[in-house]
Amino acid sequence: MGQRHSFLVRLLPVFCPRPWGRHSLEPFFVNPVEDGPPIGEVWLSSLDCRIEGLAGGTVEGLWGRMRAAGRGAAVAGLSRFPLLVKILFTADKLSVQVHPDDDFARRHEGEPWGKNEVWYVLEAEPGAWVRCGLIQGMARSGLDAFLKTPAAENALQLIPVQPGDVVYIPAGTLHSLGPGLALCEIQQYSDVTYRVYDYDRLGLDGRQRPLHLEKARAALKLETPGAGLCSPVSLEGCRDGRVLFSGSRFVVQHFSSATRLDLHSDSSHLDLIIMLAGAGALRAAGGEMEFKRGDTFLVSAEAEGIEVAPIEPSQWLRTFPVGQWQ
């Protein structure tokens, strides 16, 4: 990222078909294949997300070229881009599943880290829910009666959700998502998922999707402190901002403003900005890009400040890595 204009780049989304997904992604995106399979996930910062205006450029390639100062101190030495942001669209239940923690992922999957994730609910039909964590009193010896059966979801705590809710899913937490949701998922960059029940559902290839019972049993934890609904707090020094989640690997903030807003930025981390509503301009390091709902931007740690200038009431998320990644 030696050129100054590359301190601010727009990432182009990758659309991922899923059997539980939707055909309409409005109002966030236009489905690129009108008569294609349902889209369940739109990846906003995947390694193969293209960089607008950079022929053949992807997040993976950009990461390989970024200087340590552009990455920020928290993740300067990592071989892989650290954060994966998605928007999920559910027309059906997801599988009952669990993600490994860092240690398990390294030992069993050859991955650099596991998957802690946060959900920010964008849309929720009446009665929408998520399931997160085992019901109180569930013992490991009793889990086998639930796993791989329709009763699997009954082993999980039911959490009704509505737009604006924030749910934390620590690695090792058994969980699922219900239908009628659109949510933004922010996570450590890992795609390792162990399914324990999938409603005998067929994948898009017409075959039954596999389960991963043995690894799931080994990876899941009976207790995962902090799992479930989060309580956002005001962002110090910014009346238009809230901290939705602050963890050991990343932070998620939410902003809502109809007027120009300066976001404090320093050299310790890069930023991902995900526009949820509105339109306007995003400025950093002398560069400027117009934004609309659904846009995602990567801002270098060298940008020395981020300015959001809406032309109409706008909302956006900001996430960045923290802590000591390995």
C-alpha atoms as a PDB file:
ATOM      1  CA  MET A   1       0.000   0.000   0.000  1.00  0.00           C
ATOM      2  CA  GLY A   2       2.697   2.431  -0.941  1.00  0.00           C
ATOM      3  CA  GLN A   3       0.395   4.815  -2.846  1.00  0.00           C
ATOM      4  CA  ARG A   4      -1.550   7.220  -0.716  1.00  0.00           C
ATOM      5  CA  HIS A   5      -4.891   6.648  -2.421  1.00  0.00           C
ATOM      6  CA  SER A   6      -4.748   2.962  -1.487  1.00  0.00           C
ATOM      7  CA  PHE A   7      -5.085   3.802   2.209  1.00  0.00           C
ATOM      8  CA  LEU A   8      -8.844   3.715   1.502  1.00  0.00           C
ATOM      9  CA  VAL A   9     -10.301   0.965  -0.719  1.00  0.00           C
ATOM     10  CA  ARG A  10     -13.759  -0.425  -1.448  1.00  0.00           C
ATOM     11  CA  LEU A  11     -14.200  -4.191  -1.189  1.00  0.00           C
ATOM     12  CA  LEU A  12     -16.619  -5.848  -3.628  1.00  0.00           C
ATOM     13  CA  PRO A  13     -18.891  -8.522  -2.114  1.00  0.00           C
ATOM     14  CA  VAL A  14     -18.829 -12.256  -2.795  1.00  0.00           C
ATOM     15  CA  PHE A  15     -22.268 -13.945  -2.965  1.00  0.00           C
ATOM     16  CA  CYS A  16     -22.423 -17.448  -1.444  1.00  0.00           C
ATOM     17  CA  PRO A  17     -25.362 -19.793  -2.188  1.00  0.00           C
ATOM     18  CA  ARG A  18     -26.747 -21.712   0.800  1.00  0.00           C
ATOM     19  CA  PRO A  19     -29.764 -24.065   1.001  1.00  0.00           C
ATOM     20  CA  TRP A  20     -31.245 -21.981   3.835  1.00  0.00           C
ATOM     21  CA  GLY A  21     -30.732 -18.646   2.029  1.00  0.00           C
ATOM     22  CA  ARG A  22     -32.974 -16.252   0.102  1.00  0.00           C
ATOM     23  CA  HIS A  23     -33.452 -15.117  -3.466  1.00  0.00           C
ATOM     24  CA  SER A  24     -34.094 -11.486  -2.489  1.00  0.00           C
ATOM     25  CA  LEU A  25     -31.315  -9.640  -0.673  1.00  0.00           C
ATOM     26  CA  GLU A  26     -33.088  -6.276  -0.721  1.00  0.00           C
ATOM     27  CA  PRO A  27     -32.534  -3.623   0.434  1.00  0.00           C
ATOM     28  CA  PHE A  28     -28.836  -4.360   0.915  1.00  0.00           C
ATOM     29  CA  PHE A  29     -27.896  -5.996  -2.394  1.00  0.00           C
ATOM     30  CA  VAL A  30     -29.240  -7.032  -5.774  1.00  0.00           C
ATOM     31  CA  ASN A  31     -28.909 -10.772  -6.291  1.00  0.00           C
ATOM     32  CA  PRO A  32     -26.359 -11.118  -9.125  1.00  0.00           C
ATOM     33  CA  VAL A  33     -28.142 -14.207 -10.511  1.00  0.00           C
ATOM     34  CA  GLU A  34     -31.875 -13.584 -10.559  1.00  0.00           C
ATOM     35  CA  ASP A  35     -32.923 -17.190 -11.182  1.00  0.00           C
ATOM     36  CA  GLY A  36     -29.981 -18.814  -9.403  1.00  0.00           C
ATOM     37  CA  PRO A  37     -29.802 -20.693  -6.085  1.00  0.00           C
ATOM     38  CA  PRO A  38     -30.692 -18.930  -2.831  1.00  0.00           C
ATOM     39  CA  ILE A  39     -27.987 -16.721  -1.364  1.00  0.00           C
ATOM     40  CA  GLY A  40     -27.354 -17.255   2.342  1.00  0.00           C
ATOM     41  CA  GLU A  41     -24.139 -15.340   2.906  1.00  0.00           C
ATOM     42  CA  VAL A  42     -22.612 -12.251   1.343  1.00  0.00           C
ATOM     43  CA  TRP A  43     -18.931 -12.118   2.267  1.00  0.00           C
ATOM     44  CA  LEU A  44     -17.716  -8.548   2.582  1.00  0.00           C
ATOM     45  CA  SER A  45     -14.045  -9.032   3.494  1.00  0.00           C
ATOM     46  CA  SER A  46     -13.156 -12.500   2.221  1.00  0.00           C
ATOM     47  CA  LEU A  47      -9.712 -13.214   0.813  1.00  0.00           C
ATOM     48  CA  ASP A  48     -11.166 -13.317  -2.695  1.00  0.00           C
ATOM     49  CA  CYS A  49     -13.195 -10.104  -2.405  1.00  0.00           C
ATOM     50  CA  ARG A  50     -12.018  -7.892  -5.257  1.00  0.00           C
ATOM     51  CA  ILE A  51     -10.697  -4.386  -4.748  1.00  0.00           C
ATOM     52  CA  GLU A  52     -12.659  -1.827  -6.767  1.00  0.00           C
ATOM     53  CA  GLY A  53     -10.509  -0.179  -9.391  1.00  0.00           C
ATOM     54  CA  LEU A  54      -7.575  -2.555  -8.944  1.00  0.00           C
ATOM     55  CA  ALA A  55      -7.445  -5.007 -11.857  1.00  0.00           C
ATOM     56  CA  GLY A  56      -7.045  -8.524 -10.493  1.00  0.00           C
ATOM     57  CA  GLY A  57      -6.650  -7.187  -6.974  1.00  0.00           C
ATOM     58  CA  THR A  58      -8.129  -9.085  -4.037  1.00  0.00           C
ATOM     59  CA  VAL A  59      -8.030  -8.757  -0.255  1.00  0.00           C
ATOM     60  CA  GLU A  60      -5.558 -11.646  -0.134  1.00  0.00           C
ATOM     61  CA  GLY A  61      -3.218  -9.919  -2.568  1.00  0.00           C
ATOM     62  CA  LEU A  62      -3.620  -6.564  -0.877  1.00  0.00           C
ATOM     63  CA  TRP A  63      -2.791  -8.080   2.499  1.00  0.00           C
ATOM     64  CA  GLY A  64       0.380  -9.583   1.108  1.00  0.00           C
ATOM     65  CA  ARG A  65       1.509  -6.168  -0.119  1.00  0.00           C
ATOM     66  CA  MET A  66       0.575  -4.122   2.936  1.00  0.00           C
ATOM     67  CA  ARG A  67       3.350  -2.791   5.088  1.00  0.00           C
ATOM     68  CA  ALA A  68       3.318  -3.572   8.806  1.00  0.00           C
ATOM     69  CA  ALA A  69       2.435   0.059   9.465  1.00  0.00           C
ATOM     70  CA  GLY A  70      -0.635  -0.269   7.236  1.00  0.00           C
ATOM     71  CA  ARG A  71      -1.822  -3.424   8.951  1.00  0.00           C
ATOM     72  CA  GLY A  72      -1.423  -2.032  12.457  1.00  0.00           C
ATOM     73  CA  ALA A  73       0.458  -3.398  15.444  1.00  0.00           C
ATOM     74  CA  ALA A  74      -2.180  -5.952  16.496  1.00  0.00           C
ATOM     75  CA  VAL A  75      -1.956  -7.987  13.288  1.00  0.00           C
ATOM     76  CA  ALA A  76       1.212  -6.785  11.561  1.00  0.00           C
ATOM     77  CA  GLY A  77       2.851 -10.223  11.437  1.00  0.00           C
ATOM     78  CA  LEU A  78      -0.126 -12.337  10.377  1.00  0.00           C
ATOM     79  CA  SER A  79       0.020 -14.318   7.146  1.00  0.00           C
ATOM     80  CA  ARG A  80      -3.785 -14.146   6.722  1.00  0.00           C
ATOM     81  CA  PHE A  81      -6.180 -11.212   6.831  1.00  0.00           C
ATOM     82  CA  PRO A  82      -7.707 -11.416  10.334  1.00  0.00           C
ATOM     83  CA  LEU A  83     -11.399 -10.437  10.133  1.00  0.00           C
ATOM     84  CA  LEU A  84     -14.232 -11.851   8.058  1.00  0.00           C
ATOM     85  CA  VAL A  85     -17.439  -9.818   7.805  1.00  0.00           C
ATOM     86  CA  LYS A  86     -20.600 -11.280   6.267  1.00  0.00           C
ATOM     87  CA  ILE A  87     -24.273 -10.466   5.938  1.00  0.00           C
ATOM     88  CA  LEU A  88     -26.461 -13.536   6.422  1.00  0.00           C
ATOM     89  CA  PHE A  89     -29.983 -13.889   4.968  1.00  0.00           C
ATOM     90  CA  THR A  90     -32.053 -16.752   6.401  1.00  0.00           C
ATOM     91  CA  ALA A  91     -35.238 -18.187   4.909  1.00  0.00           C
ATOM     92  CA  ASP A  92     -34.869 -21.410   6.930  1.00  0.00           C
ATOM     93  CA  LYS A  93     -33.082 -22.623  10.042  1.00  0.00           C
ATOM     94  CA  LEU A  94     -29.338 -23.053   9.934  1.00  0.00           C
ATOM     95  CA  SER A  95     -27.811 -26.263  11.213  1.00  0.00           C
ATOM     96  CA  VAL A  96     -27.098 -26.740  14.905  1.00  0.00           C
ATOM     97  CA  GLN A  97     -23.352 -26.179  14.928  1.00  0.00           C
ATOM     98  CA  VAL A  98     -20.219 -25.205  16.825  1.00  0.00           C
ATOM     99  CA  HIS A  99     -16.902 -23.544  15.921  1.00  0.00           C
ATOM    100  CA  PRO A 100     -13.523 -24.478  17.400  1.00  0.00           C
ATOM    101  CA  ASP A 101     -11.377 -22.196  19.539  1.00  0.00           C
ATOM    102  CA  ASP A 102      -7.849 -21.166  18.552  1.00  0.00           C
ATOM    103  CA  ASP A 103      -6.109 -24.122  20.173  1.00  0.00           C
ATOM    104  CA  PHE A 104      -8.499 -26.739  18.729  1.00  0.00           C
ATOM    105  CA  ALA A 105      -8.316 -25.213  15.232  1.00  0.00           C
ATOM    106  CA  ARG A 106      -4.520 -25.283  15.277  1.00  0.00           C
ATOM    107  CA  ARG A 107      -4.283 -28.854  16.532  1.00  0.00           C
ATOM    108  CA  HIS A 108      -7.018 -30.437  14.427  1.00  0.00           C
ATOM    109  CA  GLU A 109      -7.484 -28.239  11.345  1.00  0.00           C
ATOM    110  CA  GLY A 110      -4.074 -26.704  10.725  1.00  0.00           C
ATOM    111  CA  GLU A 111      -5.736 -23.291  10.946  1.00  0.00           C
ATOM    112  CA  PRO A 112      -4.113 -20.247  12.571  1.00  0.00           C
ATOM    113  CA  TRP A 113      -7.115 -19.586  14.812  1.00  0.00           C
ATOM    114  CA  GLY A 114     -10.674 -20.628  15.575  1.00  0.00           C
ATOM    115  CA  LYS A 115     -13.847 -18.596  15.360  1.00  0.00           C
ATOM    116  CA  ASN A 116     -15.368 -16.189  17.828  1.00  0.00           C
ATOM    117  CA  GLU A 117     -18.210 -14.264  16.192  1.00  0.00           C
ATOM    118  CA  VAL A 118     -20.689 -11.466  16.805  1.00  0.00           C
ATOM    119  CA  TRP A 119     -24.087 -11.006  15.154  1.00  0.00           C
ATOM    120  CA  TYR A 120     -25.690  -7.598  14.675  1.00  0.00           C
ATOM    121  CA  VAL A 121     -29.364  -8.044  13.757  1.00  0.00           C
ATOM    122  CA  LEU A 122     -30.374  -5.910  10.757  1.00  0.00           C
ATOM    123  CA  GLU A 123     -33.841  -7.324  10.062  1.00  0.00           C
ATOM    124  CA  ALA A 124     -36.020  -9.747  11.992  1.00  0.00           C
ATOM    125  CA  GLU A 125     -39.482 -10.978  11.144  1.00  0.00           C
ATOM    126  CA  PRO A 126     -41.954 -11.223  14.050  1.00  0.00           C
ATOM    127  CA  GLY A 127     -41.011 -14.200  16.205  1.00  0.00           C
ATOM    128  CA  ALA A 128     -37.449 -14.381  14.894  1.00  0.00           C
ATOM    129  CA  TRP A 129     -34.942 -16.143  17.132  1.00  0.00           C
ATOM    130  CA  VAL A 130     -31.433 -17.398  17.577  1.00  0.00           C
ATOM    131  CA  ARG A 131     -30.280 -20.275  19.751  1.00  0.00           C
ATOM    132  CA  CYS A 132     -27.076 -19.866  21.675  1.00  0.00           C
ATOM    133  CA  GLY A 133     -25.478 -21.980  24.390  1.00  0.00           C
ATOM    134  CA  LEU A 134     -26.692 -25.068  26.200  1.00  0.00           C
ATOM    135  CA  ILE A 135     -29.743 -24.964  28.439  1.00  0.00           C
ATOM    136  CA  GLN A 136     -29.024 -24.668  32.120  1.00  0.00           C
ATOM    137  CA  GLY A 137     -28.033 -27.920  33.772  1.00  0.00           C
ATOM    138  CA  MET A 138     -27.114 -29.712  30.550  1.00  0.00           C
ATOM    139  CA  ALA A 139     -24.323 -32.198  31.273  1.00  0.00           C
ATOM    140  CA  ARG A 140     -21.915 -33.573  28.692  1.00  0.00           C
ATOM    141  CA  SER A 141     -23.201 -37.075  29.431  1.00  0.00           C
ATOM    142  CA  GLY A 142     -26.683 -36.002  28.344  1.00  0.00           C
ATOM    143  CA  LEU A 143     -25.693 -34.379  25.077  1.00  0.00           C
ATOM    144  CA  ASP A 144     -25.613 -37.590  23.030  1.00  0.00           C
ATOM    145  CA  ALA A 145     -29.370 -37.922  23.458  1.00  0.00           C
ATOM    146  CA  PHE A 146     -29.786 -34.616  21.608  1.00  0.00           C
ATOM    147  CA  LEU A 147     -27.046 -34.586  18.997  1.00  0.00           C
ATOM    148  CA  LYS A 148     -27.859 -35.839  15.494  1.00  0.00           C
ATOM    149  CA  THR A 149     -31.606 -35.763  16.301  1.00  0.00           C
ATOM    150  CA  PRO A 150     -34.453 -33.269  15.783  1.00  0.00           C
ATOM    151  CA  ALA A 151     -34.185 -32.567  19.520  1.00  0.00           C
ATOM    152  CA  ALA A 152     -30.745 -31.018  19.067  1.00  0.00           C
ATOM    153  CA  GLU A 153     -32.085 -27.474  18.983  1.00  0.00           C
ATOM    154  CA  ASN A 154     -33.960 -28.140  22.242  1.00  0.00           C
ATOM    155  CA  ALA A 155     -30.619 -28.441  24.007  1.00  0.00           C
ATOM    156  CA  LEU A 156     -30.000 -24.768  23.237  1.00  0.00           C
ATOM    157  CA  GLN A 157     -31.220 -21.596  24.883  1.00  0.00           C
ATOM    158  CA  LEU A 158     -33.819 -19.774  22.781  1.00  0.00           C
ATOM    159  CA  ILE A 159     -33.264 -16.009  22.377  1.00  0.00           C
ATOM    160  CA  PRO A 160     -35.939 -13.894  20.627  1.00  0.00           C
ATOM    161  CA  VAL A 161     -34.259 -11.108  18.633  1.00  0.00           C
ATOM    162  CA  GLN A 162     -35.186  -7.857  16.926  1.00  0.00           C
ATOM    163  CA  PRO A 163     -33.303  -5.297  14.804  1.00  0.00           C
ATOM    164  CA  GLY A 164     -30.443  -3.721  16.718  1.00  0.00           C
ATOM    165  CA  ASP A 165     -29.770  -6.717  18.955  1.00  0.00           C
ATOM    166  CA  VAL A 166     -26.188  -7.911  19.335  1.00  0.00           C
ATOM    167  CA  VAL A 167     -25.355 -11.565  20.020  1.00  0.00           C
ATOM    168  CA  TYR A 168     -21.923 -12.915  20.941  1.00  0.00           C
ATOM    169  CA  ILE A 169     -21.032 -16.497  20.006  1.00  0.00           C
ATOM    170  CA  PRO A 170     -17.718 -17.470  21.620  1.00  0.00           C
ATOM    171  CA  ALA A 171     -15.837 -20.392  20.086  1.00  0.00           C
ATOM    172  CA  GLY A 172     -17.098 -23.657  21.538  1.00  0.00           C
ATOM    173  CA  THR A 173     -20.718 -22.419  21.836  1.00  0.00           C
ATOM    174  CA  LEU A 174     -23.363 -24.673  20.282  1.00  0.00           C
ATOM    175  CA  HIS A 175     -25.722 -22.427  18.331  1.00  0.00           C
ATOM    176  CA  SER A 176     -28.181 -21.984  15.475  1.00  0.00           C
ATOM    177  CA  LEU A 177     -30.097 -19.293  13.592  1.00  0.00           C
ATOM    178  CA  GLY A 178     -33.789 -19.213  12.793  1.00  0.00           C
ATOM    179  CA  PRO A 179     -35.560 -18.050   9.604  1.00  0.00           C
ATOM    180  CA  GLY A 180     -36.591 -14.504   8.795  1.00  0.00           C
ATOM    181  CA  LEU A 181     -33.300 -12.821   9.690  1.00  0.00           C
ATOM    182  CA  ALA A 182     -30.749 -10.556   8.071  1.00  0.00           C
ATOM    183  CA  LEU A 183     -27.724  -9.986  10.237  1.00  0.00           C
ATOM    184  CA  CYS A 184     -24.148  -8.819   9.988  1.00  0.00           C
ATOM    185  CA  GLU A 185     -21.627 -11.313  11.278  1.00  0.00           C
ATOM    186  CA  ILE A 186     -18.167 -10.186  12.374  1.00  0.00           C
ATOM    187  CA  GLN A 187     -15.702 -12.958  13.180  1.00  0.00           C
ATOM    188  CA  GLN A 188     -12.149 -14.151  13.295  1.00  0.00           C
ATOM    189  CA  TYR A 189     -11.252 -15.240   9.773  1.00  0.00           C
ATOM    190  CA  SER A 190     -12.124 -18.939   9.901  1.00  0.00           C
ATOM    191  CA  ASP A 191     -14.610 -21.030   7.975  1.00  0.00           C
ATOM    192  CA  VAL A 192     -14.452 -24.151  10.177  1.00  0.00           C
ATOM    193  CA  THR A 193     -17.942 -25.275  11.222  1.00  0.00           C
ATOM    194  CA  TYR A 194     -18.928 -28.567  12.860  1.00  0.00           C
ATOM    195  CA  ARG A 195     -22.577 -29.488  12.287  1.00  0.00           C
ATOM    196  CA  VAL A 196     -24.372 -31.751  14.770  1.00  0.00           C
ATOM    197  CA  TYR A 197     -27.847 -31.631  13.193  1.00  0.00           C
ATOM    198  CA  ASP A 198     -29.073 -30.292   9.849  1.00  0.00           C
ATOM    199  CA  TYR A 199     -32.758 -31.303   9.651  1.00  0.00           C
ATOM    200  CA  ASP A 200     -31.904 -33.998   7.057  1.00  0.00           C
ATOM    201  CA  ARG A 201     -31.476 -31.155   4.602  1.00  0.00           C
ATOM    202  CA  LEU A 202     -30.045 -31.578   1.117  1.00  0.00           C
ATOM    203  CA  GLY A 203     -27.277 -29.305  -0.043  1.00  0.00           C
ATOM    204  CA  LEU A 204     -27.444 -27.380  -3.285  1.00  0.00           C
ATOM    205  CA  ASP A 205     -25.781 -30.375  -4.969  1.00  0.00           C
ATOM    206  CA  GLY A 206     -28.774 -32.552  -4.046  1.00  0.00           C
ATOM    207  CA  ARG A 207     -26.807 -34.545  -1.479  1.00  0.00           C
ATOM    208  CA  GLN A 208     -27.327 -34.642   2.249  1.00  0.00           C
ATOM    209  CA  ARG A 209     -24.900 -32.325   3.996  1.00  0.00           C
ATOM    210  CA  PRO A 210     -22.424 -34.121   6.280  1.00  0.00           C
ATOM    211  CA  LEU A 211     -22.357 -33.891  10.061  1.00  0.00           C
ATOM    212  CA  HIS A 212     -19.188 -33.616  12.146  1.00  0.00           C
ATOM    213  CA  LEU A 213     -20.205 -35.223  15.432  1.00  0.00           C
ATOM    214  CA  GLU A 214     -16.868 -36.340  16.823  1.00  0.00           C
ATOM    215  CA  LYS A 215     -15.104 -33.034  16.272  1.00  0.00           C
ATOM    216  CA  ALA A 216     -18.178 -31.152  17.478  1.00  0.00           C
ATOM    217  CA  ARG A 217     -18.261 -33.139  20.715  1.00  0.00           C
ATOM    218  CA  ALA A 218     -14.586 -32.406  21.282  1.00  0.00           C
ATOM    219  CA  ALA A 219     -14.814 -28.714  20.379  1.00  0.00           C
ATOM    220  CA  LEU A 220     -18.003 -27.705  22.192  1.00  0.00           C
ATOM    221  CA  LYS A 221     -17.911 -26.291  25.699  1.00  0.00           C
ATOM    222  CA  LEU A 222     -20.599 -26.724  28.327  1.00  0.00           C
ATOM    223  CA  GLU A 223     -20.131 -23.141  29.483  1.00  0.00           C
ATOM    224  CA  THR A 224     -19.113 -20.165  27.366  1.00  0.00           C
ATOM    225  CA  PRO A 225     -19.168 -17.005  29.506  1.00  0.00           C
ATOM    226  CA  GLY A 226     -20.542 -13.963  27.748  1.00  0.00           C
ATOM    227  CA  ALA A 227     -22.464 -15.919  25.116  1.00  0.00           C
ATOM    228  CA  GLY A 228     -25.832 -14.452  24.151  1.00  0.00           C
ATOM    229  CA  LEU A 229     -27.198 -10.921  24.025  1.00  0.00           C
ATOM    230  CA  CYS A 230     -24.724  -8.089  24.534  1.00  0.00           C
ATOM    231  CA  SER A 231     -25.391  -4.719  26.140  1.00  0.00           C
ATOM    232  CA  PRO A 232     -23.958  -1.958  23.926  1.00  0.00           C
ATOM    233  CA  VAL A 233     -22.472   1.093  25.646  1.00  0.00           C
ATOM    234  CA  SER A 234     -21.920   4.665  24.524  1.00  0.00           C
ATOM    235  CA  LEU A 235     -18.677   5.358  22.705  1.00  0.00           C
ATOM    236  CA  GLU A 236     -16.598   7.745  24.759  1.00  0.00           C
ATOM    237  CA  GLY A 237     -16.304  11.132  23.104  1.00  0.00           C
ATOM    238  CA  CYS A 238     -18.861  10.377  20.367  1.00  0.00           C
ATOM    239  CA  ARG A 239     -22.553  10.903  21.009  1.00  0.00           C
ATOM    240  CA  ASP A 240     -23.432   9.219  17.691  1.00  0.00           C
ATOM    241  CA  GLY A 241     -21.457   6.042  18.378  1.00  0.00           C
ATOM    242  CA  ARG A 242     -21.900   2.905  20.478  1.00  0.00           C
ATOM    243  CA  VAL A 243     -19.611   0.022  21.295  1.00  0.00           C
ATOM    244  CA  LEU A 244     -21.574  -3.108  20.400  1.00  0.00           C
ATOM    245  CA  PHE A 245     -18.838  -5.545  21.398  1.00  0.00           C
ATOM    246  CA  SER A 246     -15.305  -5.345  22.746  1.00  0.00           C
ATOM    247  CA  GLY A 247     -13.438  -8.645  22.908  1.00  0.00           C
ATOM    248  CA  SER A 248      -9.928 -10.030  23.048  1.00  0.00           C
ATOM    249  CA  ARG A 249      -9.586 -10.210  19.240  1.00  0.00           C
ATOM    250  CA  PHE A 250     -11.804  -7.477  17.776  1.00  0.00           C
ATOM    251  CA  VAL A 251     -14.090  -4.553  18.531  1.00  0.00           C
ATOM    252  CA  VAL A 252     -17.415  -3.687  16.856  1.00  0.00           C
ATOM    253  CA  GLN A 253     -18.841  -0.164  16.918  1.00  0.00           C
ATOM    254  CA  HIS A 254     -22.085   1.264  15.524  1.00  0.00           C
ATOM    255  CA  PHE A 255     -22.639   4.815  14.307  1.00  0.00           C
ATOM    256  CA  SER A 256     -25.768   6.703  13.264  1.00  0.00           C
ATOM    257  CA  SER A 257     -25.539  10.250  11.955  1.00  0.00           C
ATOM    258  CA  ALA A 258     -26.980  12.666   9.399  1.00  0.00           C
ATOM    259  CA  THR A 259     -24.031  15.044   9.677  1.00  0.00           C
ATOM    260  CA  ARG A 260     -20.279  14.831   9.198  1.00  0.00           C
ATOM    261  CA  LEU A 261     -18.533  12.633  11.746  1.00  0.00           C
ATOM    262  CA  ASP A 262     -14.824  12.211  12.437  1.00  0.00           C
ATOM    263  CA  LEU A 263     -13.835   8.752  13.658  1.00  0.00           C
ATOM    264  CA  HIS A 264     -10.751   8.655  15.812  1.00  0.00           C
ATOM    265  CA  SER A 265      -8.165   6.418  14.177  1.00  0.00           C
ATOM    266  CA  ASP A 266      -4.589   5.598  15.125  1.00  0.00           C
ATOM    267  CA  SER A 267      -1.695   3.467  13.955  1.00  0.00           C
ATOM    268  CA  SER A 268      -2.566   0.450  16.114  1.00  0.00           C
ATOM    269  CA  HIS A 269      -5.122  -1.082  13.745  1.00  0.00           C
ATOM    270  CA  LEU A 270      -6.720  -1.046  10.308  1.00  0.00           C
ATOM    271  CA  ASP A 271     -10.483  -0.559  10.036  1.00  0.00           C
ATOM    272  CA  LEU A 272     -13.384  -2.135   8.182  1.00  0.00           C
ATOM    273  CA  ILE A 273     -16.363   0.177   7.618  1.00  0.00           C
ATOM    274  CA  ILE A 274     -19.684  -1.480   6.669  1.00  0.00           C
ATOM    275  CA  MET A 275     -22.437   0.864   5.504  1.00  0.00           C
ATOM    276  CA  LEU A 276     -25.894  -0.236   6.670  1.00  0.00           C
ATOM    277  CA  ALA A 277     -28.059   2.690   5.547  1.00  0.00           C
ATOM    278  CA  GLY A 278     -27.845   6.070   3.870  1.00  0.00           C
ATOM    279  CA  ALA A 279     -25.400   7.596   1.414  1.00  0.00           C
ATOM    280  CA  GLY A 280     -22.570  10.088   1.354  1.00  0.00           C
ATOM    281  CA  ALA A 281     -18.791  10.198   1.224  1.00  0.00           C
ATOM    282  CA  LEU A 282     -16.025   8.474   3.172  1.00  0.00           C
ATOM    283  CA  ARG A 283     -12.674  10.259   3.423  1.00  0.00           C
ATOM    284  CA  ALA A 284      -9.276   9.093   4.675  1.00  0.00           C
ATOM    285  CA  ALA A 285      -5.645  10.069   4.000  1.00  0.00           C
ATOM    286  CA  GLY A 286      -6.646  12.578   1.341  1.00  0.00           C
ATOM    287  CA  GLY A 287      -8.807  10.073  -0.541  1.00  0.00           C
ATOM    288  CA  GLU A 288     -12.573  10.148  -0.914  1.00  0.00           C
ATOM    289  CA  MET A 289     -15.149   7.563  -1.968  1.00  0.00           C
ATOM    290  CA  GLU A 290     -18.911   7.777  -2.225  1.00  0.00           C
ATOM    291  CA  PHE A 291     -20.849   5.244  -0.166  1.00  0.00           C
ATOM    292  CA  LYS A 292     -24.286   3.667  -0.186  1.00  0.00           C
ATOM    293  CA  ARG A 293     -25.984   0.899   1.774  1.00  0.00           C
ATOM    294  CA  GLY A 294     -24.104  -2.414   1.477  1.00  0.00           C
ATOM    295  CA  ASP A 295     -20.675  -0.909   0.766  1.00  0.00           C
ATOM    296  CA  THR A 296     -17.611  -2.091   2.687  1.00  0.00           C
ATOM    297  CA  PHE A 297     -14.342  -0.194   2.961  1.00  0.00           C
ATOM    298  CA  LEU A 298     -10.906  -1.126   4.259  1.00  0.00           C
ATOM    299  CA  VAL A 299      -8.941   1.745   5.773  1.00  0.00           C
ATOM    300  CA  SER A 300      -5.215   1.391   6.416  1.00  0.00           C
ATOM    301  CA  ALA A 301      -3.789   1.932   9.892  1.00  0.00           C
ATOM    302  CA  GLU A 302      -1.722   4.697   8.293  1.00  0.00           C
ATOM    303  CA  ALA A 303      -4.792   6.714   7.301  1.00  0.00           C
ATOM    304  CA  GLU A 304      -4.591   9.036  10.333  1.00  0.00           C
ATOM    305  CA  GLY A 305      -8.302   9.605  10.701  1.00  0.00           C
ATOM    306  CA  ILE A 306     -11.587   8.692   9.004  1.00  0.00           C
ATOM    307  CA  GLU A 307     -14.305  11.183   8.066  1.00  0.00           C
ATOM    308  CA  VAL A 308     -17.863  10.124   7.222  1.00  0.00           C
ATOM    309  CA  ALA A 309     -19.904  12.812   5.454  1.00  0.00           C
ATOM    310  CA  PRO A 310     -23.534  11.692   4.942  1.00  0.00           C
ATOM    311  CA  ILE A 311     -25.890  13.385   2.525  1.00  0.00           C
ATOM    312  CA  GLU A 312     -28.816  11.660   4.260  1.00  0.00           C
ATOM    313  CA  PRO A 313     -29.256   9.889   7.626  1.00  0.00           C
ATOM    314  CA  SER A 314     -26.761   7.024   7.616  1.00  0.00           C
ATOM    315  CA  GLN A 315     -25.757   4.058   9.744  1.00  0.00           C
ATOM    316  CA  TRP A 316     -22.590   2.030   9.667  1.00  0.00           C
ATOM    317  CA  LEU A 317     -20.512  -0.490  11.562  1.00  0.00           C
ATOM    318  CA  ARG A 318     -16.811  -0.192  12.242  1.00  0.00           C
ATOM    319  CA  THR A 319     -14.729  -3.174  13.279  1.00  0.00           C
ATOM    320  CA  PHE A 320     -11.017  -3.579  13.877  1.00  0.00           C
ATOM    321  CA  PRO A 321      -8.628  -6.153  15.366  1.00  0.00           C
ATOM    322  CA  VAL A 322      -7.177  -5.782  18.852  1.00  0.00           C
ATOM    323  CA  GLY A 323      -5.076  -7.855  21.222  1.00  0.00           C
ATOM    324  CA  GLN A 324      -2.161 -10.112  20.468  1.00  0.00           C
ATOM    325  CA  TRP A 325      -2.948 -12.298  17.476  1.00  0.00           C
ATOM    326  CA  GLN A 326      -0.581 -15.167  16.754  1.00  0.00           C
END
